[in-house]
Amino acid sequence: ERLKNMIKSPLIKILGWVSEDSLAKYY
């Protein structure tokens, strides 16, 4: 929550944890 409150740019996203398949796609 503290990190989310630091975000000033719409280009920065915090997604939380994602599935293993999704993680591989993000990489």
mmCIF file of all heavy atoms, coordinates in Angstrom:
data_MODEL
# 
_entry.id   MODEL 
# 
loop_
_atom_site.group_PDB 
_atom_site.id 
_atom_site.type_symbol 
_atom_site.label_atom_id 
_atom_site.label_alt_id 
_atom_site.label_comp_id 
_atom_site.label_asym_id 
_atom_site.label_entity_id 
_atom_site.label_seq_id 
_atom_site.pdbx_PDB_ins_code 
_atom_site.Cartn_x 
_atom_site.Cartn_y 
_atom_site.Cartn_z 
_atom_site.occupancy 
_atom_site.B_iso_or_equiv 
_atom_site.pdbx_formal_charge 
_atom_site.auth_seq_id 
_atom_site.auth_comp_id 
_atom_site.auth_asym_id 
_atom_site.auth_atom_id 
_atom_site.pdbx_PDB_model_num 
ATOM 1   N N   . GLU A 1 1  ? 0.823  -1.201  0.000   1.00 0.00 ? 1  GLU A N   1 
ATOM 2   C CA  . GLU A 1 1  ? 0.000  0.000   0.000   1.00 0.00 ? 1  GLU A CA  1 
ATOM 3   C C   . GLU A 1 1  ? 0.861  1.257   0.000   1.00 0.00 ? 1  GLU A C   1 
ATOM 4   O O   . GLU A 1 1  ? 0.541  2.240   -0.683  1.00 0.00 ? 1  GLU A O   1 
ATOM 5   C CB  . GLU A 1 1  ? -0.942 -0.004  1.203   1.00 0.00 ? 1  GLU A CB  1 
ATOM 6   C CG  . GLU A 1 1  ? -2.027 -1.071  1.127   1.00 0.00 ? 1  GLU A CG  1 
ATOM 7   C CD  . GLU A 1 1  ? -2.826 -1.002  -0.171  1.00 0.00 ? 1  GLU A CD  1 
ATOM 8   O OE1 . GLU A 1 1  ? -3.217 0.114   -0.562  1.00 0.00 ? 1  GLU A OE1 1 
ATOM 9   O OE2 . GLU A 1 1  ? -3.033 -2.062  -0.790  1.00 0.00 ? 1  GLU A OE2 1 
ATOM 10  N N   . ARG A 1 2  ? 1.942  1.250   0.753   1.00 0.00 ? 2  ARG A N   1 
ATOM 11  C CA  . ARG A 1 2  ? 2.817  2.426   0.781   1.00 0.00 ? 2  ARG A CA  1 
ATOM 12  C C   . ARG A 1 2  ? 3.426  2.673   -0.593  1.00 0.00 ? 2  ARG A C   1 
ATOM 13  O O   . ARG A 1 2  ? 3.503  3.825   -1.051  1.00 0.00 ? 2  ARG A O   1 
ATOM 14  C CB  . ARG A 1 2  ? 3.931  2.229   1.805   1.00 0.00 ? 2  ARG A CB  1 
ATOM 15  C CG  . ARG A 1 2  ? 4.785  3.485   2.014   1.00 0.00 ? 2  ARG A CG  1 
ATOM 16  C CD  . ARG A 1 2  ? 5.871  3.253   3.043   1.00 0.00 ? 2  ARG A CD  1 
ATOM 17  N NE  . ARG A 1 2  ? 7.002  2.543   2.481   1.00 0.00 ? 2  ARG A NE  1 
ATOM 18  C CZ  . ARG A 1 2  ? 8.015  3.159   1.857   1.00 0.00 ? 2  ARG A CZ  1 
ATOM 19  N NH1 . ARG A 1 2  ? 8.017  4.473   1.700   1.00 0.00 ? 2  ARG A NH1 1 
ATOM 20  N NH2 . ARG A 1 2  ? 9.028  2.459   1.394   1.00 0.00 ? 2  ARG A NH2 1 
ATOM 21  N N   . LEU A 1 3  ? 3.836  1.605   -1.270  1.00 0.00 ? 3  LEU A N   1 
ATOM 22  C CA  . LEU A 1 3  ? 4.413  1.751   -2.603  1.00 0.00 ? 3  LEU A CA  1 
ATOM 23  C C   . LEU A 1 3  ? 3.380  2.254   -3.601  1.00 0.00 ? 3  LEU A C   1 
ATOM 24  O O   . LEU A 1 3  ? 3.683  3.085   -4.468  1.00 0.00 ? 3  LEU A O   1 
ATOM 25  C CB  . LEU A 1 3  ? 5.007  0.418   -3.060  1.00 0.00 ? 3  LEU A CB  1 
ATOM 26  C CG  . LEU A 1 3  ? 6.222  -0.083  -2.272  1.00 0.00 ? 3  LEU A CG  1 
ATOM 27  C CD1 . LEU A 1 3  ? 6.611  -1.482  -2.719  1.00 0.00 ? 3  LEU A CD1 1 
ATOM 28  C CD2 . LEU A 1 3  ? 7.402  0.870   -2.424  1.00 0.00 ? 3  LEU A CD2 1 
ATOM 29  N N   . LYS A 1 4  ? 2.150  1.758   -3.488  1.00 0.00 ? 4  LYS A N   1 
ATOM 30  C CA  . LYS A 1 4  ? 1.085  2.245   -4.377  1.00 0.00 ? 4  LYS A CA  1 
ATOM 31  C C   . LYS A 1 4  ? 0.873  3.745   -4.206  1.00 0.00 ? 4  LYS A C   1 
ATOM 32  O O   . LYS A 1 4  ? 0.640  4.469   -5.182  1.00 0.00 ? 4  LYS A O   1 
ATOM 33  C CB  . LYS A 1 4  ? -0.220 1.490   -4.099  1.00 0.00 ? 4  LYS A CB  1 
ATOM 34  C CG  . LYS A 1 4  ? -0.290 0.108   -4.721  1.00 0.00 ? 4  LYS A CG  1 
ATOM 35  C CD  . LYS A 1 4  ? -1.670 -0.498  -4.511  1.00 0.00 ? 4  LYS A CD  1 
ATOM 36  C CE  . LYS A 1 4  ? -1.807 -1.824  -5.267  1.00 0.00 ? 4  LYS A CE  1 
ATOM 37  N NZ  . LYS A 1 4  ? -3.157 -2.414  -5.088  1.00 0.00 ? 4  LYS A NZ  1 
ATOM 38  N N   . ASN A 1 5  ? 0.968  4.205   -2.978  1.00 0.00 ? 5  ASN A N   1 
ATOM 39  C CA  . ASN A 1 5  ? 0.769  5.636   -2.708  1.00 0.00 ? 5  ASN A CA  1 
ATOM 40  C C   . ASN A 1 5  ? 1.920  6.487   -3.231  1.00 0.00 ? 5  ASN A C   1 
ATOM 41  O O   . ASN A 1 5  ? 1.761  7.707   -3.381  1.00 0.00 ? 5  ASN A O   1 
ATOM 42  C CB  . ASN A 1 5  ? 0.598  5.860   -1.206  1.00 0.00 ? 5  ASN A CB  1 
ATOM 43  C CG  . ASN A 1 5  ? -0.706 5.287   -0.678  1.00 0.00 ? 5  ASN A CG  1 
ATOM 44  O OD1 . ASN A 1 5  ? -1.692 5.180   -1.412  1.00 0.00 ? 5  ASN A OD1 1 
ATOM 45  N ND2 . ASN A 1 5  ? -0.735 4.920   0.592   1.00 0.00 ? 5  ASN A ND2 1 
ATOM 46  N N   . MET A 1 6  ? 3.064  5.867   -3.508  1.00 0.00 ? 6  MET A N   1 
ATOM 47  C CA  . MET A 1 6  ? 4.209  6.605   -4.051  1.00 0.00 ? 6  MET A CA  1 
ATOM 48  C C   . MET A 1 6  ? 4.095  6.834   -5.549  1.00 0.00 ? 6  MET A C   1 
ATOM 49  O O   . MET A 1 6  ? 4.770  7.703   -6.101  1.00 0.00 ? 6  MET A O   1 
ATOM 50  C CB  . MET A 1 6  ? 5.509  5.832   -3.780  1.00 0.00 ? 6  MET A CB  1 
ATOM 51  C CG  . MET A 1 6  ? 5.977  5.809   -2.352  1.00 0.00 ? 6  MET A CG  1 
ATOM 52  S SD  . MET A 1 6  ? 7.551  4.902   -2.232  1.00 0.00 ? 6  MET A SD  1 
ATOM 53  C CE  . MET A 1 6  ? 8.590  5.863   -3.344  1.00 0.00 ? 6  MET A CE  1 
ATOM 54  N N   . ILE A 1 7  ? 3.264  6.058   -6.216  1.00 0.00 ? 7  ILE A N   1 
ATOM 55  C CA  . ILE A 1 7  ? 3.190  6.103   -7.669  1.00 0.00 ? 7  ILE A CA  1 
ATOM 56  C C   . ILE A 1 7  ? 2.547  7.409   -8.141  1.00 0.00 ? 7  ILE A C   1 
ATOM 57  O O   . ILE A 1 7  ? 1.432  7.756   -7.746  1.00 0.00 ? 7  ILE A O   1 
ATOM 58  C CB  . ILE A 1 7  ? 2.406  4.895   -8.205  1.00 0.00 ? 7  ILE A CB  1 
ATOM 59  C CG1 . ILE A 1 7  ? 3.168  3.597   -7.892  1.00 0.00 ? 7  ILE A CG1 1 
ATOM 60  C CG2 . ILE A 1 7  ? 2.178  5.017   -9.711  1.00 0.00 ? 7  ILE A CG2 1 
ATOM 61  C CD1 . ILE A 1 7  ? 2.415  2.333   -8.256  1.00 0.00 ? 7  ILE A CD1 1 
ATOM 62  N N   . LYS A 1 8  ? 3.255  8.137   -8.988  1.00 0.00 ? 8  LYS A N   1 
ATOM 63  C CA  . LYS A 1 8  ? 2.763  9.392   -9.559  1.00 0.00 ? 8  LYS A CA  1 
ATOM 64  C C   . LYS A 1 8  ? 2.544  9.301   -11.069 1.00 0.00 ? 8  LYS A C   1 
ATOM 65  O O   . LYS A 1 8  ? 1.987  10.199  -11.676 1.00 0.00 ? 8  LYS A O   1 
ATOM 66  C CB  . LYS A 1 8  ? 3.755  10.528  -9.279  1.00 0.00 ? 8  LYS A CB  1 
ATOM 67  C CG  . LYS A 1 8  ? 4.158  10.684  -7.815  1.00 0.00 ? 8  LYS A CG  1 
ATOM 68  C CD  . LYS A 1 8  ? 2.969  10.983  -6.924  1.00 0.00 ? 8  LYS A CD  1 
ATOM 69  C CE  . LYS A 1 8  ? 3.412  11.152  -5.462  1.00 0.00 ? 8  LYS A CE  1 
ATOM 70  N NZ  . LYS A 1 8  ? 2.254  11.321  -4.555  1.00 0.00 ? 8  LYS A NZ  1 
ATOM 71  N N   . SER A 1 9  ? 3.004  8.214   -11.662 1.00 0.00 ? 9  SER A N   1 
ATOM 72  C CA  . SER A 1 9  ? 2.906  8.043   -13.111 1.00 0.00 ? 9  SER A CA  1 
ATOM 73  C C   . SER A 1 9  ? 1.924  6.925   -13.448 1.00 0.00 ? 9  SER A C   1 
ATOM 74  O O   . SER A 1 9  ? 1.975  5.857   -12.842 1.00 0.00 ? 9  SER A O   1 
ATOM 75  C CB  . SER A 1 9  ? 4.283  7.711   -13.697 1.00 0.00 ? 9  SER A CB  1 
ATOM 76  O OG  . SER A 1 9  ? 4.167  7.276   -15.041 1.00 0.00 ? 9  SER A OG  1 
ATOM 77  N N   . PRO A 1 10 ? 1.057  7.123   -14.422 1.00 0.00 ? 10 PRO A N   1 
ATOM 78  C CA  . PRO A 1 10 ? 0.125  6.065   -14.839 1.00 0.00 ? 10 PRO A CA  1 
ATOM 79  C C   . PRO A 1 10 ? 0.833  4.898   -15.528 1.00 0.00 ? 10 PRO A C   1 
ATOM 80  O O   . PRO A 1 10 ? 0.210  3.860   -15.788 1.00 0.00 ? 10 PRO A O   1 
ATOM 81  C CB  . PRO A 1 10 ? -0.817 6.785   -15.808 1.00 0.00 ? 10 PRO A CB  1 
ATOM 82  C CG  . PRO A 1 10 ? -0.017 7.944   -16.337 1.00 0.00 ? 10 PRO A CG  1 
ATOM 83  C CD  . PRO A 1 10 ? 0.859  8.374   -15.197 1.00 0.00 ? 10 PRO A CD  1 
ATOM 84  N N   . LEU A 1 11 ? 2.127  5.062   -15.802 1.00 0.00 ? 11 LEU A N   1 
ATOM 85  C CA  . LEU A 1 11 ? 2.881  4.011   -16.484 1.00 0.00 ? 11 LEU A CA  1 
ATOM 86  C C   . LEU A 1 11 ? 3.445  2.978   -15.508 1.00 0.00 ? 11 LEU A C   1 
ATOM 87  O O   . LEU A 1 11 ? 4.042  1.988   -15.934 1.00 0.00 ? 11 LEU A O   1 
ATOM 88  C CB  . LEU A 1 11 ? 4.031  4.632   -17.286 1.00 0.00 ? 11 LEU A CB  1 
ATOM 89  C CG  . LEU A 1 11 ? 3.623  5.616   -18.398 1.00 0.00 ? 11 LEU A CG  1 
ATOM 90  C CD1 . LEU A 1 11 ? 4.853  6.220   -19.046 1.00 0.00 ? 11 LEU A CD1 1 
ATOM 91  C CD2 . LEU A 1 11 ? 2.764  4.920   -19.436 1.00 0.00 ? 11 LEU A CD2 1 
ATOM 92  N N   . ILE A 1 12 ? 3.262  3.211   -14.207 1.00 0.00 ? 12 ILE A N   1 
ATOM 93  C CA  . ILE A 1 12 ? 3.773  2.295   -13.188 1.00 0.00 ? 12 ILE A CA  1 
ATOM 94  C C   . ILE A 1 12 ? 2.612  1.488   -12.616 1.00 0.00 ? 12 ILE A C   1 
ATOM 95  O O   . ILE A 1 12 ? 1.610  2.053   -12.181 1.00 0.00 ? 12 ILE A O   1 
ATOM 96  C CB  . ILE A 1 12 ? 4.490  3.049   -12.058 1.00 0.00 ? 12 ILE A CB  1 
ATOM 97  C CG1 . ILE A 1 12 ? 5.639  3.885   -12.617 1.00 0.00 ? 12 ILE A CG1 1 
ATOM 98  C CG2 . ILE A 1 12 ? 5.001  2.076   -10.991 1.00 0.00 ? 12 ILE A CG2 1 
ATOM 99  C CD1 . ILE A 1 12 ? 6.311  4.776   -11.592 1.00 0.00 ? 12 ILE A CD1 1 
ATOM 100 N N   . LYS A 1 13 ? 2.750  0.161   -12.598 1.00 0.00 ? 13 LYS A N   1 
ATOM 101 C CA  . LYS A 1 13 ? 1.685  -0.712  -12.115 1.00 0.00 ? 13 LYS A CA  1 
ATOM 102 C C   . LYS A 1 13 ? 2.231  -1.741  -11.134 1.00 0.00 ? 13 LYS A C   1 
ATOM 103 O O   . LYS A 1 13 ? 3.277  -2.337  -11.371 1.00 0.00 ? 13 LYS A O   1 
ATOM 104 C CB  . LYS A 1 13 ? 1.017  -1.450  -13.290 1.00 0.00 ? 13 LYS A CB  1 
ATOM 105 C CG  . LYS A 1 13 ? 0.385  -0.530  -14.320 1.00 0.00 ? 13 LYS A CG  1 
ATOM 106 C CD  . LYS A 1 13 ? -0.173 -1.325  -15.492 1.00 0.00 ? 13 LYS A CD  1 
ATOM 107 C CE  . LYS A 1 13 ? -0.758 -0.398  -16.551 1.00 0.00 ? 13 LYS A CE  1 
ATOM 108 N NZ  . LYS A 1 13 ? -1.274 -1.160  -17.716 1.00 0.00 ? 13 LYS A NZ  1 
ATOM 109 N N   . ILE A 1 14 ? 1.504  -1.940  -10.032 1.00 0.00 ? 14 ILE A N   1 
ATOM 110 C CA  . ILE A 1 14 ? 1.793  -3.018  -9.096  1.00 0.00 ? 14 ILE A CA  1 
ATOM 111 C C   . ILE A 1 14 ? 0.675  -4.045  -9.228  1.00 0.00 ? 14 ILE A C   1 
ATOM 112 O O   . ILE A 1 14 ? -0.483 -3.760  -8.935  1.00 0.00 ? 14 ILE A O   1 
ATOM 113 C CB  . ILE A 1 14 ? 1.892  -2.510  -7.649  1.00 0.00 ? 14 ILE A CB  1 
ATOM 114 C CG1 . ILE A 1 14 ? 3.050  -1.518  -7.509  1.00 0.00 ? 14 ILE A CG1 1 
ATOM 115 C CG2 . ILE A 1 14 ? 2.088  -3.679  -6.676  1.00 0.00 ? 14 ILE A CG2 1 
ATOM 116 C CD1 . ILE A 1 14 ? 3.206  -0.934  -6.115  1.00 0.00 ? 14 ILE A CD1 1 
ATOM 117 N N   . LEU A 1 15 ? 1.012  -5.247  -9.651  1.00 0.00 ? 15 LEU A N   1 
ATOM 118 C CA  . LEU A 1 15 ? 0.006  -6.250  -9.998  1.00 0.00 ? 15 LEU A CA  1 
ATOM 119 C C   . LEU A 1 15 ? -0.271 -7.259  -8.895  1.00 0.00 ? 15 LEU A C   1 
ATOM 120 O O   . LEU A 1 15 ? -1.240 -8.014  -8.990  1.00 0.00 ? 15 LEU A O   1 
ATOM 121 C CB  . LEU A 1 15 ? 0.434  -7.011  -11.257 1.00 0.00 ? 15 LEU A CB  1 
ATOM 122 C CG  . LEU A 1 15 ? 0.715  -6.169  -12.513 1.00 0.00 ? 15 LEU A CG  1 
ATOM 123 C CD1 . LEU A 1 15 ? 1.065  -7.097  -13.676 1.00 0.00 ? 15 LEU A CD1 1 
ATOM 124 C CD2 . LEU A 1 15 ? -0.468 -5.290  -12.868 1.00 0.00 ? 15 LEU A CD2 1 
ATOM 125 N N   . GLY A 1 16 ? 0.551  -7.295  -7.843  1.00 0.00 ? 16 GLY A N   1 
ATOM 126 C CA  . GLY A 1 16 ? 0.425  -8.392  -6.880  1.00 0.00 ? 16 GLY A CA  1 
ATOM 127 C C   . GLY A 1 16 ? 1.019  -9.648  -7.485  1.00 0.00 ? 16 GLY A C   1 
ATOM 128 O O   . GLY A 1 16 ? 1.730  -9.616  -8.490  1.00 0.00 ? 16 GLY A O   1 
ATOM 129 N N   . TRP A 1 17 ? 0.736  -10.796 -6.865  1.00 0.00 ? 17 TRP A N   1 
ATOM 130 C CA  . TRP A 1 17 ? 1.234  -12.053 -7.402  1.00 0.00 ? 17 TRP A CA  1 
ATOM 131 C C   . TRP A 1 17 ? 0.351  -12.524 -8.553  1.00 0.00 ? 17 TRP A C   1 
ATOM 132 O O   . TRP A 1 17 ? -0.858 -12.313 -8.532  1.00 0.00 ? 17 TRP A O   1 
ATOM 133 C CB  . TRP A 1 17 ? 1.293  -13.129 -6.323  1.00 0.00 ? 17 TRP A CB  1 
ATOM 134 C CG  . TRP A 1 17 ? 2.389  -12.905 -5.327  1.00 0.00 ? 17 TRP A CG  1 
ATOM 135 C CD1 . TRP A 1 17 ? 2.260  -12.556 -4.025  1.00 0.00 ? 17 TRP A CD1 1 
ATOM 136 C CD2 . TRP A 1 17 ? 3.795  -12.958 -5.585  1.00 0.00 ? 17 TRP A CD2 1 
ATOM 137 N NE1 . TRP A 1 17 ? 3.490  -12.404 -3.439  1.00 0.00 ? 17 TRP A NE1 1 
ATOM 138 C CE2 . TRP A 1 17 ? 4.448  -12.641 -4.369  1.00 0.00 ? 17 TRP A CE2 1 
ATOM 139 C CE3 . TRP A 1 17 ? 4.569  -13.248 -6.709  1.00 0.00 ? 17 TRP A CE3 1 
ATOM 140 C CZ2 . TRP A 1 17 ? 5.833  -12.608 -4.249  1.00 0.00 ? 17 TRP A CZ2 1 
ATOM 141 C CZ3 . TRP A 1 17 ? 5.951  -13.208 -6.586  1.00 0.00 ? 17 TRP A CZ3 1 
ATOM 142 C CH2 . TRP A 1 17 ? 6.560  -12.897 -5.373  1.00 0.00 ? 17 TRP A CH2 1 
ATOM 143 N N   . VAL A 1 18 ? 0.981  -13.149 -9.541  1.00 0.00 ? 18 VAL A N   1 
ATOM 144 C CA  . VAL A 1 18 ? 0.264  -13.668 -10.704 1.00 0.00 ? 18 VAL A CA  1 
ATOM 145 C C   . VAL A 1 18 ? 0.578  -15.156 -10.835 1.00 0.00 ? 18 VAL A C   1 
ATOM 146 O O   . VAL A 1 18 ? 1.487  -15.682 -10.190 1.00 0.00 ? 18 VAL A O   1 
ATOM 147 C CB  . VAL A 1 18 ? 0.669  -12.918 -11.991 1.00 0.00 ? 18 VAL A CB  1 
ATOM 148 C CG1 . VAL A 1 18 ? 0.356  -11.429 -11.869 1.00 0.00 ? 18 VAL A CG1 1 
ATOM 149 C CG2 . VAL A 1 18 ? 2.147  -13.138 -12.321 1.00 0.00 ? 18 VAL A CG2 1 
ATOM 150 N N   . SER A 1 19 ? -0.169 -15.844 -11.670 1.00 0.00 ? 19 SER A N   1 
ATOM 151 C CA  . SER A 1 19 ? 0.060  -17.274 -11.883 1.00 0.00 ? 19 SER A CA  1 
ATOM 152 C C   . SER A 1 19 ? 1.406  -17.492 -12.568 1.00 0.00 ? 19 SER A C   1 
ATOM 153 O O   . SER A 1 19 ? 1.991  -16.574 -13.161 1.00 0.00 ? 19 SER A O   1 
ATOM 154 C CB  . SER A 1 19 ? -1.052 -17.861 -12.752 1.00 0.00 ? 19 SER A CB  1 
ATOM 155 O OG  . SER A 1 19 ? -0.954 -17.364 -14.073 1.00 0.00 ? 19 SER A OG  1 
ATOM 156 N N   . GLU A 1 20 ? 1.902  -18.730 -12.496 1.00 0.00 ? 20 GLU A N   1 
ATOM 157 C CA  . GLU A 1 20 ? 3.189  -19.060 -13.106 1.00 0.00 ? 20 GLU A CA  1 
ATOM 158 C C   . GLU A 1 20 ? 3.165  -18.832 -14.617 1.00 0.00 ? 20 GLU A C   1 
ATOM 159 O O   . GLU A 1 20 ? 4.125  -18.342 -15.198 1.00 0.00 ? 20 GLU A O   1 
ATOM 160 C CB  . GLU A 1 20 ? 3.556  -20.515 -12.794 1.00 0.00 ? 20 GLU A CB  1 
ATOM 161 C CG  . GLU A 1 20 ? 3.949  -20.765 -11.355 1.00 0.00 ? 20 GLU A CG  1 
ATOM 162 C CD  . GLU A 1 20 ? 5.243  -20.072 -10.994 1.00 0.00 ? 20 GLU A CD  1 
ATOM 163 O OE1 . GLU A 1 20 ? 6.268  -20.320 -11.654 1.00 0.00 ? 20 GLU A OE1 1 
ATOM 164 O OE2 . GLU A 1 20 ? 5.231  -19.265 -10.039 1.00 0.00 ? 20 GLU A OE2 1 
ATOM 165 N N   . ASP A 1 21 ? 2.065  -19.181 -15.259 1.00 0.00 ? 21 ASP A N   1 
ATOM 166 C CA  . ASP A 1 21 ? 1.967  -18.979 -16.706 1.00 0.00 ? 21 ASP A CA  1 
ATOM 167 C C   . ASP A 1 21 ? 1.980  -17.495 -17.049 1.00 0.00 ? 21 ASP A C   1 
ATOM 168 O O   . ASP A 1 21 ? 2.633  -17.079 -18.013 1.00 0.00 ? 21 ASP A O   1 
ATOM 169 C CB  . ASP A 1 21 ? 0.691  -19.639 -17.245 1.00 0.00 ? 21 ASP A CB  1 
ATOM 170 C CG  . ASP A 1 21 ? 0.775  -21.164 -17.245 1.00 0.00 ? 21 ASP A CG  1 
ATOM 171 O OD1 . ASP A 1 21 ? 1.906  -21.692 -17.165 1.00 0.00 ? 21 ASP A OD1 1 
ATOM 172 O OD2 . ASP A 1 21 ? -0.285 -21.819 -17.314 1.00 0.00 ? 21 ASP A OD2 1 
ATOM 173 N N   . SER A 1 22 ? 1.254  -16.721 -16.268 1.00 0.00 ? 22 SER A N   1 
ATOM 174 C CA  . SER A 1 22 ? 1.231  -15.271 -16.512 1.00 0.00 ? 22 SER A CA  1 
ATOM 175 C C   . SER A 1 22 ? 2.604  -14.658 -16.268 1.00 0.00 ? 22 SER A C   1 
ATOM 176 O O   . SER A 1 22 ? 3.048  -13.775 -17.013 1.00 0.00 ? 22 SER A O   1 
ATOM 177 C CB  . SER A 1 22 ? 0.196  -14.593 -15.614 1.00 0.00 ? 22 SER A CB  1 
ATOM 178 O OG  . SER A 1 22 ? -1.109 -15.001 -15.954 1.00 0.00 ? 22 SER A OG  1 
ATOM 179 N N   . LEU A 1 23 ? 3.278  -15.134 -15.236 1.00 0.00 ? 23 LEU A N   1 
ATOM 180 C CA  . LEU A 1 23 ? 4.609  -14.616 -14.931 1.00 0.00 ? 23 LEU A CA  1 
ATOM 181 C C   . LEU A 1 23 ? 5.556  -14.850 -16.100 1.00 0.00 ? 23 LEU A C   1 
ATOM 182 O O   . LEU A 1 23 ? 6.313  -13.948 -16.489 1.00 0.00 ? 23 LEU A O   1 
ATOM 183 C CB  . LEU A 1 23 ? 5.155  -15.299 -13.677 1.00 0.00 ? 23 LEU A CB  1 
ATOM 184 C CG  . LEU A 1 23 ? 6.561  -14.891 -13.240 1.00 0.00 ? 23 LEU A CG  1 
ATOM 185 C CD1 . LEU A 1 23 ? 6.600  -13.409 -12.905 1.00 0.00 ? 23 LEU A CD1 1 
ATOM 186 C CD2 . LEU A 1 23 ? 7.019  -15.727 -12.048 1.00 0.00 ? 23 LEU A CD2 1 
ATOM 187 N N   . ALA A 1 24 ? 5.520  -16.038 -16.678 1.00 0.00 ? 24 ALA A N   1 
ATOM 188 C CA  . ALA A 1 24 ? 6.387  -16.342 -17.816 1.00 0.00 ? 24 ALA A CA  1 
ATOM 189 C C   . ALA A 1 24 ? 6.106  -15.396 -18.981 1.00 0.00 ? 24 ALA A C   1 
ATOM 190 O O   . ALA A 1 24 ? 7.034  -14.950 -19.675 1.00 0.00 ? 24 ALA A O   1 
ATOM 191 C CB  . ALA A 1 24 ? 6.189  -17.797 -18.249 1.00 0.00 ? 24 ALA A CB  1 
ATOM 192 N N   . LYS A 1 25 ? 4.836  -15.052 -19.182 1.00 0.00 ? 25 LYS A N   1 
ATOM 193 C CA  . LYS A 1 25 ? 4.482  -14.128 -20.270 1.00 0.00 ? 25 LYS A CA  1 
ATOM 194 C C   . LYS A 1 25 ? 4.975  -12.718 -19.994 1.00 0.00 ? 25 LYS A C   1 
ATOM 195 O O   . LYS A 1 25 ? 5.410  -12.004 -20.908 1.00 0.00 ? 25 LYS A O   1 
ATOM 196 C CB  . LYS A 1 25 ? 2.969  -14.148 -20.488 1.00 0.00 ? 25 LYS A CB  1 
ATOM 197 C CG  . LYS A 1 25 ? 2.460  -15.453 -21.080 1.00 0.00 ? 25 LYS A CG  1 
ATOM 198 C CD  . LYS A 1 25 ? 0.948  -15.443 -21.241 1.00 0.00 ? 25 LYS A CD  1 
ATOM 199 C CE  . LYS A 1 25 ? 0.450  -16.773 -21.806 1.00 0.00 ? 25 LYS A CE  1 
ATOM 200 N NZ  . LYS A 1 25 ? -1.020 -16.794 -21.933 1.00 0.00 ? 25 LYS A NZ  1 
ATOM 201 N N   . TYR A 1 26 ? 4.915  -12.299 -18.718 1.00 0.00 ? 26 TYR A N   1 
ATOM 202 C CA  . TYR A 1 26 ? 5.419  -10.960 -18.385 1.00 0.00 ? 26 TYR A CA  1 
ATOM 203 C C   . TYR A 1 26 ? 6.924  -10.875 -18.627 1.00 0.00 ? 26 TYR A C   1 
ATOM 204 O O   . TYR A 1 26 ? 7.429  -9.846  -19.112 1.00 0.00 ? 26 TYR A O   1 
ATOM 205 C CB  . TYR A 1 26 ? 5.077  -10.609 -16.944 1.00 0.00 ? 26 TYR A CB  1 
ATOM 206 C CG  . TYR A 1 26 ? 3.686  -10.038 -16.786 1.00 0.00 ? 26 TYR A CG  1 
ATOM 207 C CD1 . TYR A 1 26 ? 2.654  -10.800 -16.261 1.00 0.00 ? 26 TYR A CD1 1 
ATOM 208 C CD2 . TYR A 1 26 ? 3.406  -8.726  -17.181 1.00 0.00 ? 26 TYR A CD2 1 
ATOM 209 C CE1 . TYR A 1 26 ? 1.371  -10.287 -16.126 1.00 0.00 ? 26 TYR A CE1 1 
ATOM 210 C CE2 . TYR A 1 26 ? 2.133  -8.196  -17.048 1.00 0.00 ? 26 TYR A CE2 1 
ATOM 211 C CZ  . TYR A 1 26 ? 1.104  -8.980  -16.522 1.00 0.00 ? 26 TYR A CZ  1 
ATOM 212 O OH  . TYR A 1 26 ? -0.148 -8.462  -16.402 1.00 0.00 ? 26 TYR A OH  1 
ATOM 213 N N   . TYR A 1 27 ? 7.646  -11.939 -18.288 1.00 0.00 ? 27 TYR A N   1 
ATOM 214 C CA  . TYR A 1 27 ? 9.076  -11.959 -18.615 1.00 0.00 ? 27 TYR A CA  1 
ATOM 215 C C   . TYR A 1 27 ? 9.281  -11.890 -20.124 1.00 0.00 ? 27 TYR A C   1 
ATOM 216 O O   . TYR A 1 27 ? 10.138 -11.145 -20.612 1.00 0.00 ? 27 TYR A O   1 
ATOM 217 C CB  . TYR A 1 27 ? 9.717  -13.248 -18.085 1.00 0.00 ? 27 TYR A CB  1 
ATOM 218 C CG  . TYR A 1 27 ? 10.068 -13.249 -16.618 1.00 0.00 ? 27 TYR A CG  1 
ATOM 219 C CD1 . TYR A 1 27 ? 9.571  -14.244 -15.762 1.00 0.00 ? 27 TYR A CD1 1 
ATOM 220 C CD2 . TYR A 1 27 ? 10.925 -12.300 -16.074 1.00 0.00 ? 27 TYR A CD2 1 
ATOM 221 C CE1 . TYR A 1 27 ? 9.913  -14.279 -14.421 1.00 0.00 ? 27 TYR A CE1 1 
ATOM 222 C CE2 . TYR A 1 27 ? 11.265 -12.317 -14.730 1.00 0.00 ? 27 TYR A CE2 1 
ATOM 223 C CZ  . TYR A 1 27 ? 10.751 -13.309 -13.908 1.00 0.00 ? 27 TYR A CZ  1 
ATOM 224 O OH  . TYR A 1 27 ? 11.089 -13.331 -12.581 1.00 0.00 ? 27 TYR A OH  1 
# 
